[in-house]
Amino acid sequence: GVVLASKFGVKAGARLSEDKLKLMLLILVTIVTTKMLWETFFH
């Protein structure tokens, strides 16, 4: 699945503006942080 999807991921990253990429990275950071906090304190 990774190999099939990576081509489209690279193309999508090239088309998106820098502001949109920053926003998506910030959302991803928020998800990762929330997940790690949940696992640390509750699971």
PDB file of all heavy atoms in Angstrom:
ATOM      1  N   GLY A   1       0.814  -1.215   0.000  1.00  0.00           N
ATOM      2  CA  GLY A   1       0.000   0.000   0.000  1.00  0.00           C
ATOM      3  C   GLY A   1       0.841   1.254   0.000  1.00  0.00           C
ATOM      4  O   GLY A   1       0.526   2.237  -0.691  1.00  0.00           O
ATOM      5  N   VAL A   2       1.931   1.242   0.772  1.00  0.00           N
ATOM      6  CA  VAL A   2       2.842   2.388   0.825  1.00  0.00           C
ATOM      7  C   VAL A   2       3.404   2.705  -0.553  1.00  0.00           C
ATOM      8  O   VAL A   2       3.402   3.867  -0.995  1.00  0.00           O
ATOM      9  CB  VAL A   2       3.995   2.102   1.817  1.00  0.00           C
ATOM     10  CG1 VAL A   2       5.127   3.100   1.618  1.00  0.00           C
ATOM     11  CG2 VAL A   2       3.495   2.170   3.246  1.00  0.00           C
ATOM     12  N   VAL A   3       3.908   1.690  -1.229  1.00  0.00           N
ATOM     13  CA  VAL A   3       4.530   1.901  -2.541  1.00  0.00           C
ATOM     14  C   VAL A   3       3.525   2.457  -3.547  1.00  0.00           C
ATOM     15  O   VAL A   3       3.839   3.361  -4.329  1.00  0.00           O
ATOM     16  CB  VAL A   3       5.143   0.580  -3.059  1.00  0.00           C
ATOM     17  CG1 VAL A   3       5.607   0.730  -4.501  1.00  0.00           C
ATOM     18  CG2 VAL A   3       6.313   0.158  -2.168  1.00  0.00           C
ATOM     19  N   LEU A   4       2.308   1.942  -3.518  1.00  0.00           N
ATOM     20  CA  LEU A   4       1.292   2.410  -4.459  1.00  0.00           C
ATOM     21  C   LEU A   4       0.878   3.850  -4.190  1.00  0.00           C
ATOM     22  O   LEU A   4       0.584   4.614  -5.120  1.00  0.00           O
ATOM     23  CB  LEU A   4       0.063   1.497  -4.397  1.00  0.00           C
ATOM     24  CG  LEU A   4       0.251   0.068  -4.912  1.00  0.00           C
ATOM     25  CD1 LEU A   4      -1.025  -0.746  -4.700  1.00  0.00           C
ATOM     26  CD2 LEU A   4       0.637   0.070  -6.390  1.00  0.00           C
ATOM     27  N   ALA A   5       0.840   4.253  -2.923  1.00  0.00           N
ATOM     28  CA  ALA A   5       0.320   5.575  -2.562  1.00  0.00           C
ATOM     29  C   ALA A   5       1.375   6.675  -2.574  1.00  0.00           C
ATOM     30  O   ALA A   5       1.027   7.859  -2.690  1.00  0.00           O
ATOM     31  CB  ALA A   5      -0.330   5.516  -1.183  1.00  0.00           C
ATOM     32  N   SER A   6       2.646   6.315  -2.442  1.00  0.00           N
ATOM     33  CA  SER A   6       3.679   7.345  -2.265  1.00  0.00           C
ATOM     34  C   SER A   6       3.798   8.271  -3.478  1.00  0.00           C
ATOM     35  O   SER A   6       4.065   9.470  -3.318  1.00  0.00           O
ATOM     36  CB  SER A   6       5.032   6.697  -1.970  1.00  0.00           C
ATOM     37  OG  SER A   6       5.442   5.895  -3.053  1.00  0.00           O
ATOM     38  N   LYS A   7       3.595   7.749  -4.660  1.00  0.00           N
ATOM     39  CA  LYS A   7       3.661   8.575  -5.862  1.00  0.00           C
ATOM     40  C   LYS A   7       2.656   9.720  -5.787  1.00  0.00           C
ATOM     41  O   LYS A   7       2.973  10.876  -6.102  1.00  0.00           O
ATOM     42  CB  LYS A   7       3.394   7.716  -7.100  1.00  0.00           C
ATOM     43  CG  LYS A   7       3.327   8.501  -8.397  1.00  0.00           C
ATOM     44  CD  LYS A   7       3.050   7.579  -9.574  1.00  0.00           C
ATOM     45  CE  LYS A   7       2.960   8.356 -10.874  1.00  0.00           C
ATOM     46  NZ  LYS A   7       2.685   7.459 -12.033  1.00  0.00           N
ATOM     47  N   PHE A   8       1.452   9.419  -5.345  1.00  0.00           N
ATOM     48  CA  PHE A   8       0.403  10.430  -5.263  1.00  0.00           C
ATOM     49  C   PHE A   8       0.659  11.388  -4.096  1.00  0.00           C
ATOM     50  O   PHE A   8       0.312  12.569  -4.173  1.00  0.00           O
ATOM     51  CB  PHE A   8      -0.953   9.741  -5.120  1.00  0.00           C
ATOM     52  CG  PHE A   8      -1.270   8.815  -6.254  1.00  0.00           C
ATOM     53  CD1 PHE A   8      -1.075   7.445  -6.120  1.00  0.00           C
ATOM     54  CD2 PHE A   8      -1.732   9.305  -7.462  1.00  0.00           C
ATOM     55  CE1 PHE A   8      -1.354   6.584  -7.174  1.00  0.00           C
ATOM     56  CE2 PHE A   8      -2.023   8.452  -8.522  1.00  0.00           C
ATOM     57  CZ  PHE A   8      -1.820   7.086  -8.381  1.00  0.00           C
ATOM     58  N   GLY A   9       1.284  10.895  -3.039  1.00  0.00           N
ATOM     59  CA  GLY A   9       1.633  11.765  -1.931  1.00  0.00           C
ATOM     60  C   GLY A   9       2.667  12.808  -2.315  1.00  0.00           C
ATOM     61  O   GLY A   9       2.547  13.987  -1.946  1.00  0.00           O
ATOM     62  N   VAL A  10       3.693  12.386  -3.055  1.00  0.00           N
ATOM     63  CA  VAL A  10       4.719  13.325  -3.512  1.00  0.00           C
ATOM     64  C   VAL A  10       4.111  14.379  -4.434  1.00  0.00           C
ATOM     65  O   VAL A  10       4.410  15.577  -4.316  1.00  0.00           O
ATOM     66  CB  VAL A  10       5.852  12.570  -4.232  1.00  0.00           C
ATOM     67  CG1 VAL A  10       6.796  13.534  -4.938  1.00  0.00           C
ATOM     68  CG2 VAL A  10       6.640  11.719  -3.227  1.00  0.00           C
ATOM     69  N   LYS A  11       3.252  13.951  -5.345  1.00  0.00           N
ATOM     70  CA  LYS A  11       2.603  14.906  -6.258  1.00  0.00           C
ATOM     71  C   LYS A  11       1.709  15.883  -5.502  1.00  0.00           C
ATOM     72  O   LYS A  11       1.680  17.079  -5.813  1.00  0.00           O
ATOM     73  CB  LYS A  11       1.788  14.144  -7.309  1.00  0.00           C
ATOM     74  CG  LYS A  11       2.642  13.429  -8.347  1.00  0.00           C
ATOM     75  CD  LYS A  11       1.767  12.790  -9.414  1.00  0.00           C
ATOM     76  CE  LYS A  11       2.623  12.167 -10.519  1.00  0.00           C
ATOM     77  NZ  LYS A  11       1.795  11.545 -11.588  1.00  0.00           N
ATOM     78  N   ALA A  12       0.981  15.389  -4.519  1.00  0.00           N
ATOM     79  CA  ALA A  12       0.101  16.270  -3.740  1.00  0.00           C
ATOM     80  C   ALA A  12       0.916  17.302  -2.974  1.00  0.00           C
ATOM     81  O   ALA A  12       0.545  18.483  -2.906  1.00  0.00           O
ATOM     82  CB  ALA A  12      -0.738  15.440  -2.771  1.00  0.00           C
ATOM     83  N   GLY A  13       2.049  16.886  -2.395  1.00  0.00           N
ATOM     84  CA  GLY A  13       2.905  17.813  -1.672  1.00  0.00           C
ATOM     85  C   GLY A  13       3.465  18.903  -2.563  1.00  0.00           C
ATOM     86  O   GLY A  13       3.611  20.059  -2.136  1.00  0.00           O
ATOM     87  N   ALA A  14       3.762  18.550  -3.821  1.00  0.00           N
ATOM     88  CA  ALA A  14       4.291  19.546  -4.761  1.00  0.00           C
ATOM     89  C   ALA A  14       3.236  20.567  -5.166  1.00  0.00           C
ATOM     90  O   ALA A  14       3.549  21.735  -5.415  1.00  0.00           O
ATOM     91  CB  ALA A  14       4.839  18.838  -6.000  1.00  0.00           C
ATOM     92  N   ARG A  15       1.975  20.161  -5.200  1.00  0.00           N
ATOM     93  CA  ARG A  15       0.905  21.052  -5.632  1.00  0.00           C
ATOM     94  C   ARG A  15       0.416  21.975  -4.522  1.00  0.00           C
ATOM     95  O   ARG A  15      -0.016  23.092  -4.785  1.00  0.00           O
ATOM     96  CB  ARG A  15      -0.276  20.235  -6.179  1.00  0.00           C
ATOM     97  CG  ARG A  15      -0.022  19.582  -7.529  1.00  0.00           C
ATOM     98  CD  ARG A  15      -1.328  19.148  -8.158  1.00  0.00           C
ATOM     99  NE  ARG A  15      -2.011  18.148  -7.332  1.00  0.00           N
ATOM    100  CZ  ARG A  15      -1.897  16.848  -7.503  1.00  0.00           C
ATOM    101  NH1 ARG A  15      -1.111  16.363  -8.457  1.00  0.00           N
ATOM    102  NH2 ARG A  15      -2.552  16.003  -6.718  1.00  0.00           N
ATOM    103  N   LEU A  16       0.461  21.524  -3.276  1.00  0.00           N
ATOM    104  CA  LEU A  16      -0.071  22.315  -2.171  1.00  0.00           C
ATOM    105  C   LEU A  16       0.804  23.526  -1.880  1.00  0.00           C
ATOM    106  O   LEU A  16       2.025  23.482  -2.053  1.00  0.00           O
ATOM    107  CB  LEU A  16      -0.183  21.451  -0.914  1.00  0.00           C
ATOM    108  CG  LEU A  16      -1.264  20.368  -0.923  1.00  0.00           C
ATOM    109  CD1 LEU A  16      -1.131  19.491   0.314  1.00  0.00           C
ATOM    110  CD2 LEU A  16      -2.660  20.983  -0.993  1.00  0.00           C
ATOM    111  N   SER A  17       0.198  24.585  -1.417  1.00  0.00           N
ATOM    112  CA  SER A  17       0.952  25.772  -1.023  1.00  0.00           C
ATOM    113  C   SER A  17       1.690  25.496   0.288  1.00  0.00           C
ATOM    114  O   SER A  17       1.344  24.582   1.043  1.00  0.00           O
ATOM    115  CB  SER A  17       0.005  26.963  -0.834  1.00  0.00           C
ATOM    116  OG  SER A  17      -0.843  26.747   0.287  1.00  0.00           O
ATOM    117  N   GLU A  18       2.688  26.332   0.586  1.00  0.00           N
ATOM    118  CA  GLU A  18       3.448  26.155   1.815  1.00  0.00           C
ATOM    119  C   GLU A  18       2.571  26.364   3.046  1.00  0.00           C
ATOM    120  O   GLU A  18       2.735  25.671   4.053  1.00  0.00           O
ATOM    121  CB  GLU A  18       4.647  27.119   1.840  1.00  0.00           C
ATOM    122  CG  GLU A  18       5.721  26.749   0.842  1.00  0.00           C
ATOM    123  CD  GLU A  18       7.075  27.311   1.236  1.00  0.00           C
ATOM    124  OE1 GLU A  18       7.223  27.772   2.385  1.00  0.00           O
ATOM    125  OE2 GLU A  18       7.980  27.277   0.401  1.00  0.00           O
ATOM    126  N   ASP A  19       1.647  27.305   2.984  1.00  0.00           N
ATOM    127  CA  ASP A  19       0.753  27.539   4.122  1.00  0.00           C
ATOM    128  C   ASP A  19      -0.103  26.310   4.416  1.00  0.00           C
ATOM    129  O   ASP A  19      -0.326  25.945   5.579  1.00  0.00           O
ATOM    130  CB  ASP A  19      -0.143  28.746   3.866  1.00  0.00           C
ATOM    131  CG  ASP A  19       0.599  30.064   4.018  1.00  0.00           C
ATOM    132  OD1 ASP A  19       1.686  30.058   4.642  1.00  0.00           O
ATOM    133  OD2 ASP A  19       0.106  31.095   3.526  1.00  0.00           O
ATOM    134  N   LYS A  20      -0.587  25.650   3.366  1.00  0.00           N
ATOM    135  CA  LYS A  20      -1.401  24.457   3.565  1.00  0.00           C
ATOM    136  C   LYS A  20      -0.564  23.304   4.113  1.00  0.00           C
ATOM    137  O   LYS A  20      -1.030  22.535   4.971  1.00  0.00           O
ATOM    138  CB  LYS A  20      -2.082  24.051   2.251  1.00  0.00           C
ATOM    139  CG  LYS A  20      -3.194  24.995   1.835  1.00  0.00           C
ATOM    140  CD  LYS A  20      -3.860  24.538   0.547  1.00  0.00           C
ATOM    141  CE  LYS A  20      -4.989  25.491   0.162  1.00  0.00           C
ATOM    142  NZ  LYS A  20      -5.641  25.083  -1.117  1.00  0.00           N
ATOM    143  N   LEU A  21       0.662  23.177   3.625  1.00  0.00           N
ATOM    144  CA  LEU A  21       1.547  22.131   4.140  1.00  0.00           C
ATOM    145  C   LEU A  21       1.866  22.375   5.618  1.00  0.00           C
ATOM    146  O   LEU A  21       1.895  21.441   6.422  1.00  0.00           O
ATOM    147  CB  LEU A  21       2.835  22.073   3.319  1.00  0.00           C
ATOM    148  CG  LEU A  21       2.714  21.486   1.916  1.00  0.00           C
ATOM    149  CD1 LEU A  21       4.016  21.673   1.147  1.00  0.00           C
ATOM    150  CD2 LEU A  21       2.352  19.998   1.983  1.00  0.00           C
ATOM    151  N   LYS A  22       2.113  23.639   5.969  1.00  0.00           N
ATOM    152  CA  LYS A  22       2.367  23.969   7.376  1.00  0.00           C
ATOM    153  C   LYS A  22       1.170  23.622   8.244  1.00  0.00           C
ATOM    154  O   LYS A  22       1.316  23.074   9.346  1.00  0.00           O
ATOM    155  CB  LYS A  22       2.689  25.458   7.513  1.00  0.00           C
ATOM    156  CG  LYS A  22       4.086  25.860   7.080  1.00  0.00           C
ATOM    157  CD  LYS A  22       4.309  27.332   7.377  1.00  0.00           C
ATOM    158  CE  LYS A  22       5.705  27.774   6.993  1.00  0.00           C
ATOM    159  NZ  LYS A  22       5.942  29.198   7.334  1.00  0.00           N
ATOM    160  N   LEU A  23      -0.027  23.941   7.748  1.00  0.00           N
ATOM    161  CA  LEU A  23      -1.233  23.644   8.505  1.00  0.00           C
ATOM    162  C   LEU A  23      -1.394  22.140   8.700  1.00  0.00           C
ATOM    163  O   LEU A  23      -1.716  21.676   9.812  1.00  0.00           O
ATOM    164  CB  LEU A  23      -2.457  24.215   7.785  1.00  0.00           C
ATOM    165  CG  LEU A  23      -3.820  23.927   8.441  1.00  0.00           C
ATOM    166  CD1 LEU A  23      -3.869  24.506   9.857  1.00  0.00           C
ATOM    167  CD2 LEU A  23      -4.953  24.477   7.584  1.00  0.00           C
ATOM    168  N   MET A  24      -1.164  21.369   7.648  1.00  0.00           N
ATOM    169  CA  MET A  24      -1.297  19.920   7.752  1.00  0.00           C
ATOM    170  C   MET A  24      -0.260  19.335   8.706  1.00  0.00           C
ATOM    171  O   MET A  24      -0.556  18.422   9.490  1.00  0.00           O
ATOM    172  CB  MET A  24      -1.171  19.283   6.369  1.00  0.00           C
ATOM    173  CG  MET A  24      -2.292  19.659   5.418  1.00  0.00           C
ATOM    174  SD  MET A  24      -2.149  18.859   3.813  1.00  0.00           S
ATOM    175  CE  MET A  24      -2.519  17.163   4.252  1.00  0.00           C
ATOM    176  N   LEU A  25       0.957  19.859   8.674  1.00  0.00           N
ATOM    177  CA  LEU A  25       1.986  19.398   9.603  1.00  0.00           C
ATOM    178  C   LEU A  25       1.627  19.737  11.044  1.00  0.00           C
ATOM    179  O   LEU A  25       1.839  18.936  11.958  1.00  0.00           O
ATOM    180  CB  LEU A  25       3.336  20.008   9.233  1.00  0.00           C
ATOM    181  CG  LEU A  25       4.068  19.350   8.059  1.00  0.00           C
ATOM    182  CD1 LEU A  25       5.157  20.270   7.520  1.00  0.00           C
ATOM    183  CD2 LEU A  25       4.670  18.019   8.478  1.00  0.00           C
ATOM    184  N   LEU A  26       1.070  20.928  11.241  1.00  0.00           N
ATOM    185  CA  LEU A  26       0.662  21.332  12.582  1.00  0.00           C
ATOM    186  C   LEU A  26      -0.463  20.436  13.102  1.00  0.00           C
ATOM    187  O   LEU A  26      -0.465  20.036  14.275  1.00  0.00           O
ATOM    188  CB  LEU A  26       0.220  22.795  12.584  1.00  0.00           C
ATOM    189  CG  LEU A  26      -0.132  23.388  13.955  1.00  0.00           C
ATOM    190  CD1 LEU A  26       1.060  23.307  14.900  1.00  0.00           C
ATOM    191  CD2 LEU A  26      -0.594  24.833  13.812  1.00  0.00           C
ATOM    192  N   ILE A  27      -1.404  20.097  12.228  1.00  0.00           N
ATOM    193  CA  ILE A  27      -2.476  19.173  12.620  1.00  0.00           C
ATOM    194  C   ILE A  27      -1.892  17.812  12.991  1.00  0.00           C
ATOM    195  O   ILE A  27      -2.280  17.197  13.994  1.00  0.00           O
ATOM    196  CB  ILE A  27      -3.504  19.030  11.483  1.00  0.00           C
ATOM    197  CG1 ILE A  27      -4.269  20.348  11.283  1.00  0.00           C
ATOM    198  CG2 ILE A  27      -4.476  17.885  11.766  1.00  0.00           C
ATOM    199  CD1 ILE A  27      -5.166  20.362  10.064  1.00  0.00           C
ATOM    200  N   LEU A  28      -0.921  17.351  12.191  1.00  0.00           N
ATOM    201  CA  LEU A  28      -0.291  16.067  12.467  1.00  0.00           C
ATOM    202  C   LEU A  28       0.457  16.089  13.802  1.00  0.00           C
ATOM    203  O   LEU A  28       0.387  15.134  14.586  1.00  0.00           O
ATOM    204  CB  LEU A  28       0.668  15.709  11.332  1.00  0.00           C
ATOM    205  CG  LEU A  28       1.315  14.325  11.408  1.00  0.00           C
ATOM    206  CD1 LEU A  28       0.251  13.233  11.391  1.00  0.00           C
ATOM    207  CD2 LEU A  28       2.297  14.128  10.253  1.00  0.00           C
ATOM    208  N   VAL A  29       1.163  17.184  14.065  1.00  0.00           N
ATOM    209  CA  VAL A  29       1.861  17.333  15.343  1.00  0.00           C
ATOM    210  C   VAL A  29       0.869  17.277  16.504  1.00  0.00           C
ATOM    211  O   VAL A  29       1.126  16.638  17.539  1.00  0.00           O
ATOM    212  CB  VAL A  29       2.659  18.657  15.377  1.00  0.00           C
ATOM    213  CG1 VAL A  29       3.110  18.986  16.800  1.00  0.00           C
ATOM    214  CG2 VAL A  29       3.864  18.573  14.449  1.00  0.00           C
ATOM    215  N   THR A  30      -0.278  17.934  16.338  1.00  0.00           N
ATOM    216  CA  THR A  30      -1.310  17.929  17.378  1.00  0.00           C
ATOM    217  C   THR A  30      -1.830  16.512  17.630  1.00  0.00           C
ATOM    218  O   THR A  30      -2.022  16.094  18.777  1.00  0.00           O
ATOM    219  CB  THR A  30      -2.474  18.848  16.972  1.00  0.00           C
ATOM    220  OG1 THR A  30      -1.984  20.167  16.726  1.00  0.00           O
ATOM    221  CG2 THR A  30      -3.527  18.895  18.075  1.00  0.00           C
ATOM    222  N   ILE A  31      -2.050  15.764  16.552  1.00  0.00           N
ATOM    223  CA  ILE A  31      -2.530  14.388  16.689  1.00  0.00           C
ATOM    224  C   ILE A  31      -1.508  13.518  17.405  1.00  0.00           C
ATOM    225  O   ILE A  31      -1.839  12.757  18.317  1.00  0.00           O
ATOM    226  CB  ILE A  31      -2.863  13.795  15.300  1.00  0.00           C
ATOM    227  CG1 ILE A  31      -4.066  14.532  14.682  1.00  0.00           C
ATOM    228  CG2 ILE A  31      -3.145  12.297  15.403  1.00  0.00           C
ATOM    229  CD1 ILE A  31      -4.332  14.159  13.240  1.00  0.00           C
ATOM    230  N   VAL A  32      -0.250  13.637  16.988  1.00  0.00           N
ATOM    231  CA  VAL A  32       0.813  12.838  17.606  1.00  0.00           C
ATOM    232  C   VAL A  32       0.947  13.176  19.087  1.00  0.00           C
ATOM    233  O   VAL A  32       1.061  12.285  19.943  1.00  0.00           O
ATOM    234  CB  VAL A  32       2.155  13.068  16.882  1.00  0.00           C
ATOM    235  CG1 VAL A  32       3.310  12.418  17.651  1.00  0.00           C
ATOM    236  CG2 VAL A  32       2.093  12.513  15.468  1.00  0.00           C
ATOM    237  N   THR A  33       0.924  14.460  19.406  1.00  0.00           N
ATOM    238  CA  THR A  33       1.053  14.891  20.795  1.00  0.00           C
ATOM    239  C   THR A  33      -0.102  14.372  21.647  1.00  0.00           C
ATOM    240  O   THR A  33       0.096  13.854  22.755  1.00  0.00           O
ATOM    241  CB  THR A  33       1.106  16.426  20.870  1.00  0.00           C
ATOM    242  OG1 THR A  33       2.207  16.899  20.089  1.00  0.00           O
ATOM    243  CG2 THR A  33       1.282  16.894  22.306  1.00  0.00           C
ATOM    244  N   THR A  34      -1.317  14.502  21.128  1.00  0.00           N
ATOM    245  CA  THR A  34      -2.498  14.021  21.854  1.00  0.00           C
ATOM    246  C   THR A  34      -2.422  12.519  22.087  1.00  0.00           C
ATOM    247  O   THR A  34      -2.719  12.019  23.185  1.00  0.00           O
ATOM    248  CB  THR A  34      -3.781  14.368  21.071  1.00  0.00           C
ATOM    249  OG1 THR A  34      -3.834  15.778  20.858  1.00  0.00           O
ATOM    250  CG2 THR A  34      -5.013  13.913  21.836  1.00  0.00           C
ATOM    251  N   LYS A  35      -2.017  11.795  21.045  1.00  0.00           N
ATOM    252  CA  LYS A  35      -1.909  10.336  21.152  1.00  0.00           C
ATOM    253  C   LYS A  35      -0.891   9.936  22.213  1.00  0.00           C
ATOM    254  O   LYS A  35      -1.147   9.046  23.038  1.00  0.00           O
ATOM    255  CB  LYS A  35      -1.514   9.758  19.794  1.00  0.00           C
ATOM    256  CG  LYS A  35      -1.168   8.274  19.814  1.00  0.00           C
ATOM    257  CD  LYS A  35      -0.738   7.814  18.447  1.00  0.00           C
ATOM    258  CE  LYS A  35      -0.235   6.376  18.483  1.00  0.00           C
ATOM    259  NZ  LYS A  35       1.015   6.232  19.247  1.00  0.00           N
ATOM    260  N   MET A  36       0.272  10.575  22.202  1.00  0.00           N
ATOM    261  CA  MET A  36       1.320  10.212  23.147  1.00  0.00           C
ATOM    262  C   MET A  36       0.927  10.589  24.578  1.00  0.00           C
ATOM    263  O   MET A  36       1.229   9.860  25.525  1.00  0.00           O
ATOM    264  CB  MET A  36       2.638  10.869  22.752  1.00  0.00           C
ATOM    265  CG  MET A  36       3.191  10.372  21.427  1.00  0.00           C
ATOM    266  SD  MET A  36       4.830  10.996  21.027  1.00  0.00           S
ATOM    267  CE  MET A  36       5.840   9.979  22.104  1.00  0.00           C
ATOM    268  N   LEU A  37       0.251  11.712  24.742  1.00  0.00           N
ATOM    269  CA  LEU A  37      -0.231  12.091  26.069  1.00  0.00           C
ATOM    270  C   LEU A  37      -1.265  11.096  26.584  1.00  0.00           C
ATOM    271  O   LEU A  37      -1.254  10.708  27.764  1.00  0.00           O
ATOM    272  CB  LEU A  37      -0.832  13.503  26.044  1.00  0.00           C
ATOM    273  CG  LEU A  37       0.167  14.661  25.940  1.00  0.00           C
ATOM    274  CD1 LEU A  37      -0.568  15.968  25.708  1.00  0.00           C
ATOM    275  CD2 LEU A  37       1.019  14.757  27.208  1.00  0.00           C
ATOM    276  N   TRP A  38      -2.171  10.676  25.713  1.00  0.00           N
ATOM    277  CA  TRP A  38      -3.190   9.698  26.104  1.00  0.00           C
ATOM    278  C   TRP A  38      -2.534   8.385  26.528  1.00  0.00           C
ATOM    279  O   TRP A  38      -2.885   7.800  27.561  1.00  0.00           O
ATOM    280  CB  TRP A  38      -4.138   9.449  24.940  1.00  0.00           C
ATOM    281  CG  TRP A  38      -5.100   8.320  25.184  1.00  0.00           C
ATOM    282  CD1 TRP A  38      -4.977   7.028  24.778  1.00  0.00           C
ATOM    283  CD2 TRP A  38      -6.321   8.377  25.923  1.00  0.00           C
ATOM    284  NE1 TRP A  38      -6.040   6.279  25.208  1.00  0.00           N
ATOM    285  CE2 TRP A  38      -6.884   7.083  25.917  1.00  0.00           C
ATOM    286  CE3 TRP A  38      -6.997   9.424  26.586  1.00  0.00           C
ATOM    287  CZ2 TRP A  38      -8.085   6.794  26.543  1.00  0.00           C
ATOM    288  CZ3 TRP A  38      -8.187   9.121  27.215  1.00  0.00           C
ATOM    289  CH2 TRP A  38      -8.729   7.822  27.195  1.00  0.00           C
ATOM    290  N   GLU A  39      -1.575   7.906  25.721  1.00  0.00           N
ATOM    291  CA  GLU A  39      -0.910   6.640  26.047  1.00  0.00           C
ATOM    292  C   GLU A  39      -0.112   6.757  27.336  1.00  0.00           C
ATOM    293  O   GLU A  39      -0.008   5.793  28.106  1.00  0.00           O
ATOM    294  CB  GLU A  39      -0.005   6.209  24.897  1.00  0.00           C
ATOM    295  CG  GLU A  39      -0.775   5.809  23.647  1.00  0.00           C
ATOM    296  CD  GLU A  39       0.161   5.458  22.504  1.00  0.00           C
ATOM    297  OE1 GLU A  39       1.356   5.785  22.608  1.00  0.00           O
ATOM    298  OE2 GLU A  39      -0.311   4.849  21.530  1.00  0.00           O
ATOM    299  N   THR A  40       0.492   7.931  27.575  1.00  0.00           N
ATOM    300  CA  THR A  40       1.329   8.108  28.756  1.00  0.00           C
ATOM    301  C   THR A  40       0.508   8.141  30.036  1.00  0.00           C
ATOM    302  O   THR A  40       0.861   7.510  31.046  1.00  0.00           O
ATOM    303  CB  THR A  40       2.156   9.403  28.628  1.00  0.00           C
ATOM    304  OG1 THR A  40       2.995   9.311  27.470  1.00  0.00           O
ATOM    305  CG2 THR A  40       3.025   9.626  29.856  1.00  0.00           C
ATOM    306  N   PHE A  41      -0.624   8.853  30.023  1.00  0.00           N
ATOM    307  CA  PHE A  41      -1.395   9.070  31.249  1.00  0.00           C
ATOM    308  C   PHE A  41      -2.544   8.097  31.456  1.00  0.00           C
ATOM    309  O   PHE A  41      -2.921   7.800  32.585  1.00  0.00           O
ATOM    310  CB  PHE A  41      -1.938  10.493  31.280  1.00  0.00           C
ATOM    311  CG  PHE A  41      -0.883  11.542  31.489  1.00  0.00           C
ATOM    312  CD1 PHE A  41      -0.457  12.335  30.438  1.00  0.00           C
ATOM    313  CD2 PHE A  41      -0.281  11.718  32.735  1.00  0.00           C
ATOM    314  CE1 PHE A  41       0.526  13.304  30.620  1.00  0.00           C
ATOM    315  CE2 PHE A  41       0.688  12.671  32.923  1.00  0.00           C
ATOM    316  CZ  PHE A  41       1.100  13.479  31.871  1.00  0.00           C
ATOM    317  N   PHE A  42      -3.129   7.595  30.358  1.00  0.00           N
ATOM    318  CA  PHE A  42      -4.345   6.803  30.498  1.00  0.00           C
ATOM    319  C   PHE A  42      -4.248   5.373  29.983  1.00  0.00           C
ATOM    320  O   PHE A  42      -5.106   4.546  30.285  1.00  0.00           O
ATOM    321  CB  PHE A  42      -5.511   7.489  29.762  1.00  0.00           C
ATOM    322  CG  PHE A  42      -5.769   8.885  30.233  1.00  0.00           C
ATOM    323  CD1 PHE A  42      -5.388   9.970  29.452  1.00  0.00           C
ATOM    324  CD2 PHE A  42      -6.381   9.104  31.460  1.00  0.00           C
ATOM    325  CE1 PHE A  42      -5.618  11.267  29.902  1.00  0.00           C
ATOM    326  CE2 PHE A  42      -6.616  10.401  31.909  1.00  0.00           C
ATOM    327  CZ  PHE A  42      -6.229  11.476  31.132  1.00  0.00           C
ATOM    328  N   HIS A  43      -3.228   5.096  29.178  1.00  0.00           N
ATOM    329  CA  HIS A  43      -3.162   3.771  28.560  1.00  0.00           C
ATOM    330  C   HIS A  43      -1.748   3.222  28.626  1.00  0.00           C
ATOM    331  O   HIS A  43      -1.240   2.651  27.684  1.00  0.00           O
ATOM    332  CB  HIS A  43      -3.640   3.857  27.103  1.00  0.00           C
ATOM    333  CG  HIS A  43      -3.953   2.521  26.507  1.00  0.00           C
ATOM    334  ND1 HIS A  43      -4.946   1.703  26.984  1.00  0.00           N
ATOM    335  CD2 HIS A  43      -3.379   1.846  25.459  1.00  0.00           C
ATOM    336  CE1 HIS A  43      -5.001   0.603  26.251  1.00  0.00           C
ATOM    337  NE2 HIS A  43      -4.048   0.666  25.337  1.00  0.00           N
TER     338      HIS A  43
END
